Amino acid sequence: MIIAHVLLLVTIGTVLFVLLSRFLAETGLVPVEQQMEEMGIHKIEATEKDKGN
């Protein structure tokens, strides 16, 4: 009975790992800073800080 539970947990872990790997392969892992620069948020905050000083 314990072996069945262990096999079930290993199977669930493997499925989650495969799904996460496929998701990251399709979307790519991009740092938050790069996303902010692409959206233009990072530049706006930097100029607002410069104006405040």
PDB file of N, CA and C in Angstrom:
ATOM      1  N   MET A   1       0.830  -1.204   0.000  1.00  0.00           N
ATOM      2  CA  MET A   1       0.000   0.000   0.000  1.00  0.00           C
ATOM      3  C   MET A   1       0.866   1.258   0.000  1.00  0.00           C
ATOM      4  N   ILE A   2       1.939   1.228   0.779  1.00  0.00           N
ATOM      5  CA  ILE A   2       2.829   2.391   0.833  1.00  0.00           C
ATOM      6  C   ILE A   2       3.514   2.586  -0.511  1.00  0.00           C
ATOM      7  N   ILE A   3       3.862   1.476  -1.166  1.00  0.00           N
ATOM      8  CA  ILE A   3       4.525   1.566  -2.472  1.00  0.00           C
ATOM      9  C   ILE A   3       3.604   2.240  -3.486  1.00  0.00           C
ATOM     10  N   ALA A   4       2.322   1.951  -3.417  1.00  0.00           N
ATOM     11  CA  ALA A   4       1.364   2.563  -4.340  1.00  0.00           C
ATOM     12  C   ALA A   4       1.293   4.067  -4.121  1.00  0.00           C
ATOM     13  N   HIS A   5       1.303   4.495  -2.874  1.00  0.00           N
ATOM     14  CA  HIS A   5       1.262   5.929  -2.589  1.00  0.00           C
ATOM     15  C   HIS A   5       2.538   6.624  -3.052  1.00  0.00           C
ATOM     16  N   VAL A   6       3.672   5.982  -2.836  1.00  0.00           N
ATOM     17  CA  VAL A   6       4.945   6.553  -3.286  1.00  0.00           C
ATOM     18  C   VAL A   6       4.957   6.668  -4.804  1.00  0.00           C
ATOM     19  N   LEU A   7       4.505   5.630  -5.493  1.00  0.00           N
ATOM     20  CA  LEU A   7       4.447   5.674  -6.958  1.00  0.00           C
ATOM     21  C   LEU A   7       3.496   6.766  -7.440  1.00  0.00           C
ATOM     22  N   LEU A   8       2.390   6.948  -6.736  1.00  0.00           N
ATOM     23  CA  LEU A   8       1.451   8.010  -7.101  1.00  0.00           C
ATOM     24  C   LEU A   8       2.100   9.382  -6.949  1.00  0.00           C
ATOM     25  N   LEU A   9       2.803   9.610  -5.858  1.00  0.00           N
ATOM     26  CA  LEU A   9       3.473  10.893  -5.644  1.00  0.00           C
ATOM     27  C   LEU A   9       4.579  11.125  -6.667  1.00  0.00           C
ATOM     28  N   VAL A  10       5.329  10.086  -6.993  1.00  0.00           N
ATOM     29  CA  VAL A  10       6.377  10.213  -8.007  1.00  0.00           C
ATOM     30  C   VAL A  10       5.762  10.532  -9.365  1.00  0.00           C
ATOM     31  N   THR A  11       4.656   9.890  -9.693  1.00  0.00           N
ATOM     32  CA  THR A  11       3.973  10.151 -10.961  1.00  0.00           C
ATOM     33  C   THR A  11       3.464  11.582 -11.019  1.00  0.00           C
ATOM     34  N   ILE A  12       2.850  12.051  -9.952  1.00  0.00           N
ATOM     35  CA  ILE A  12       2.354  13.432  -9.911  1.00  0.00           C
ATOM     36  C   ILE A  12       3.511  14.410 -10.052  1.00  0.00           C
ATOM     37  N   GLY A  13       4.604  14.168  -9.347  1.00  0.00           N
ATOM     38  CA  GLY A  13       5.773  15.037  -9.447  1.00  0.00           C
ATOM     39  C   GLY A  13       6.346  15.064 -10.850  1.00  0.00           C
ATOM     40  N   THR A  14       6.407  13.914 -11.494  1.00  0.00           N
ATOM     41  CA  THR A  14       6.932  13.838 -12.859  1.00  0.00           C
ATOM     42  C   THR A  14       6.037  14.596 -13.830  1.00  0.00           C
ATOM     43  N   VAL A  15       4.739  14.431 -13.702  1.00  0.00           N
ATOM     44  CA  VAL A  15       3.808  15.137 -14.586  1.00  0.00           C
ATOM     45  C   VAL A  15       3.936  16.642 -14.404  1.00  0.00           C
ATOM     46  N   LEU A  16       4.002  17.108 -13.170  1.00  0.00           N
ATOM     47  CA  LEU A  16       4.148  18.541 -12.923  1.00  0.00           C
ATOM     48  C   LEU A  16       5.461  19.073 -13.480  1.00  0.00           C
ATOM     49  N   PHE A  17       6.536  18.308 -13.344  1.00  0.00           N
ATOM     50  CA  PHE A  17       7.835  18.721 -13.873  1.00  0.00           C
ATOM     51  C   PHE A  17       7.790  18.828 -15.392  1.00  0.00           C
ATOM     52  N   VAL A  18       7.176  17.857 -16.046  1.00  0.00           N
ATOM     53  CA  VAL A  18       7.082  17.876 -17.511  1.00  0.00           C
ATOM     54  C   VAL A  18       6.237  19.055 -17.970  1.00  0.00           C
ATOM     55  N   LEU A  19       5.118  19.293 -17.312  1.00  0.00           N
ATOM     56  CA  LEU A  19       4.266  20.420 -17.695  1.00  0.00           C
ATOM     57  C   LEU A  19       4.986  21.749 -17.506  1.00  0.00           C
ATOM     58  N   LEU A  20       5.692  21.908 -16.400  1.00  0.00           N
ATOM     59  CA  LEU A  20       6.428  23.141 -16.155  1.00  0.00           C
ATOM     60  C   LEU A  20       7.551  23.313 -17.168  1.00  0.00           C
ATOM     61  N   SER A  21       8.237  22.245 -17.506  1.00  0.00           N
ATOM     62  CA  SER A  21       9.319  22.323 -18.487  1.00  0.00           C
ATOM     63  C   SER A  21       8.788  22.739 -19.853  1.00  0.00           C
ATOM     64  N   ARG A  22       7.666  22.158 -20.263  1.00  0.00           N
ATOM     65  CA  ARG A  22       7.074  22.538 -21.557  1.00  0.00           C
ATOM     66  C   ARG A  22       6.617  23.990 -21.545  1.00  0.00           C
ATOM     67  N   PHE A  23       6.013  24.418 -20.446  1.00  0.00           N
ATOM     68  CA  PHE A  23       5.546  25.803 -20.346  1.00  0.00           C
ATOM     69  C   PHE A  23       6.710  26.777 -20.452  1.00  0.00           C
ATOM     70  N   LEU A  24       7.789  26.513 -19.738  1.00  0.00           N
ATOM     71  CA  LEU A  24       8.949  27.401 -19.784  1.00  0.00           C
ATOM     72  C   LEU A  24       9.639  27.343 -21.141  1.00  0.00           C
ATOM     73  N   ALA A  25       9.601  26.204 -21.804  1.00  0.00           N
ATOM     74  CA  ALA A  25      10.207  26.099 -23.131  1.00  0.00           C
ATOM     75  C   ALA A  25       9.432  26.933 -24.144  1.00  0.00           C
ATOM     76  N   GLU A  26       8.106  26.999 -23.993  1.00  0.00           N
ATOM     77  CA  GLU A  26       7.286  27.770 -24.931  1.00  0.00           C
ATOM     78  C   GLU A  26       7.322  29.259 -24.630  1.00  0.00           C
ATOM     79  N   THR A  27       7.224  29.620 -23.372  1.00  0.00           N
ATOM     80  CA  THR A  27       7.122  31.037 -23.020  1.00  0.00           C
ATOM     81  C   THR A  27       8.473  31.669 -22.768  1.00  0.00           C
ATOM     82  N   GLY A  28       9.389  30.926 -22.228  1.00  0.00           N
ATOM     83  CA  GLY A  28      10.691  31.481 -21.874  1.00  0.00           C
ATOM     84  C   GLY A  28      10.625  32.134 -20.509  1.00  0.00           C
ATOM     85  N   LEU A  29      11.759  32.152 -19.845  1.00  0.00           N
ATOM     86  CA  LEU A  29      11.833  32.733 -18.513  1.00  0.00           C
ATOM     87  C   LEU A  29      12.519  34.081 -18.634  1.00  0.00           C
ATOM     88  N   VAL A  30      11.728  35.148 -18.487  1.00  0.00           N
ATOM     89  CA  VAL A  30      12.242  36.504 -18.677  1.00  0.00           C
ATOM     90  C   VAL A  30      12.276  37.198 -17.319  1.00  0.00           C
ATOM     91  N   PRO A  31      13.397  37.843 -16.967  1.00  0.00           N
ATOM     92  CA  PRO A  31      13.460  38.566 -15.694  1.00  0.00           C
ATOM     93  C   PRO A  31      12.432  39.698 -15.630  1.00  0.00           C
ATOM     94  N   VAL A  32      12.020  40.041 -14.429  1.00  0.00           N
ATOM     95  CA  VAL A  32      11.017  41.085 -14.232  1.00  0.00           C
ATOM     96  C   VAL A  32      11.523  42.422 -14.759  1.00  0.00           C
ATOM     97  N   GLU A  33      12.813  42.697 -14.553  1.00  0.00           N
ATOM     98  CA  GLU A  33      13.370  43.972 -15.019  1.00  0.00           C
ATOM     99  C   GLU A  33      13.244  44.104 -16.529  1.00  0.00           C
ATOM    100  N   GLN A  34      13.483  43.009 -17.245  1.00  0.00           N
ATOM    101  CA  GLN A  34      13.388  43.052 -18.704  1.00  0.00           C
ATOM    102  C   GLN A  34      11.941  43.270 -19.136  1.00  0.00           C
ATOM    103  N   GLN A  35      10.994  42.643 -18.453  1.00  0.00           N
ATOM    104  CA  GLN A  35       9.583  42.846 -18.774  1.00  0.00           C
ATOM    105  C   GLN A  35       9.187  44.299 -18.534  1.00  0.00           C
ATOM    106  N   MET A  36       9.679  44.886 -17.440  1.00  0.00           N
ATOM    107  CA  MET A  36       9.346  46.276 -17.132  1.00  0.00           C
ATOM    108  C   MET A  36       9.924  47.213 -18.189  1.00  0.00           C
ATOM    109  N   GLU A  37      11.134  46.934 -18.650  1.00  0.00           N
ATOM    110  CA  GLU A  37      11.737  47.775 -19.679  1.00  0.00           C
ATOM    111  C   GLU A  37      10.970  47.661 -20.989  1.00  0.00           C
ATOM    112  N   GLU A  38      10.510  46.452 -21.330  1.00  0.00           N
ATOM    113  CA  GLU A  38       9.752  46.259 -22.562  1.00  0.00           C
ATOM    114  C   GLU A  38       8.417  46.992 -22.509  1.00  0.00           C
ATOM    115  N   MET A  39       7.803  47.060 -21.335  1.00  0.00           N
ATOM    116  CA  MET A  39       6.525  47.755 -21.202  1.00  0.00           C
ATOM    117  C   MET A  39       6.714  49.251 -21.003  1.00  0.00           C
ATOM    118  N   GLY A  40       7.927  49.669 -20.717  1.00  0.00           N
ATOM    119  CA  GLY A  40       8.195  51.085 -20.523  1.00  0.00           C
ATOM    120  C   GLY A  40       7.977  51.561 -19.103  1.00  0.00           C
ATOM    121  N   ILE A  41       7.687  50.669 -18.182  1.00  0.00           N
ATOM    122  CA  ILE A  41       7.430  51.061 -16.793  1.00  0.00           C
ATOM    123  C   ILE A  41       8.727  51.466 -16.107  1.00  0.00           C
ATOM    124  N   HIS A  42       9.780  50.732 -16.366  1.00  0.00           N
ATOM    125  CA  HIS A  42      11.060  50.955 -15.687  1.00  0.00           C
ATOM    126  C   HIS A  42      11.599  52.342 -15.994  1.00  0.00           C
ATOM    127  N   LYS A  43      11.476  52.781 -17.225  1.00  0.00           N
ATOM    128  CA  LYS A  43      12.007  54.085 -17.623  1.00  0.00           C
ATOM    129  C   LYS A  43      11.210  55.221 -16.979  1.00  0.00           C
ATOM    130  N   ILE A  44       9.906  55.042 -16.874  1.00  0.00           N
ATOM    131  CA  ILE A  44       9.052  56.086 -16.290  1.00  0.00           C
ATOM    132  C   ILE A  44       9.407  56.285 -14.817  1.00  0.00           C
ATOM    133  N   GLU A  45       9.571  55.197 -14.086  1.00  0.00           N
ATOM    134  CA  GLU A  45       9.903  55.313 -12.666  1.00  0.00           C
ATOM    135  C   GLU A  45      11.272  55.940 -12.476  1.00  0.00           C
ATOM    136  N   ALA A  46      12.205  55.630 -13.345  1.00  0.00           N
ATOM    137  CA  ALA A  46      13.550  56.195 -13.230  1.00  0.00           C
ATOM    138  C   ALA A  46      13.518  57.705 -13.466  1.00  0.00           C
ATOM    139  N   THR A  47      12.723  58.163 -14.422  1.00  0.00           N
ATOM    140  CA  THR A  47      12.656  59.602 -14.693  1.00  0.00           C
ATOM    141  C   THR A  47      11.909  60.324 -13.575  1.00  0.00           C
ATOM    142  N   GLU A  48      10.911  59.674 -12.973  1.00  0.00           N
ATOM    143  CA  GLU A  48      10.195  60.305 -11.862  1.00  0.00           C
ATOM    144  C   GLU A  48      11.115  60.474 -10.656  1.00  0.00           C
ATOM    145  N   LYS A  49      11.973  59.511 -10.405  1.00  0.00           N
ATOM    146  CA  LYS A  49      12.914  59.622  -9.291  1.00  0.00           C
ATOM    147  C   LYS A  49      13.917  60.737  -9.557  1.00  0.00           C
ATOM    148  N   ASP A  50      14.348  60.879 -10.806  1.00  0.00           N
ATOM    149  CA  ASP A  50      15.294  61.938 -11.150  1.00  0.00           C
ATOM    150  C   ASP A  50      14.651  63.315 -10.972  1.00  0.00           C
ATOM    151  N   LYS A  51      13.372  63.430 -11.313  1.00  0.00           N
ATOM    152  CA  LYS A  51      12.680  64.716 -11.161  1.00  0.00           C
ATOM    153  C   LYS A  51      12.522  65.079  -9.689  1.00  0.00           C
ATOM    154  N   GLY A  52      12.321  64.074  -8.853  1.00  0.00           N
ATOM    155  CA  GLY A  52      12.142  64.321  -7.425  1.00  0.00           C
ATOM    156  C   GLY A  52      13.413  64.800  -6.757  1.00  0.00           C
ATOM    157  N   ASN A  53      14.554  64.418  -7.271  1.00  0.00           N
ATOM    158  CA  ASN A  53      15.834  64.820  -6.663  1.00  0.00           C
ATOM    159  C   ASN A  53      16.201  66.141  -7.134  1.00  0.00           C
TER     160      ASN A  53
END
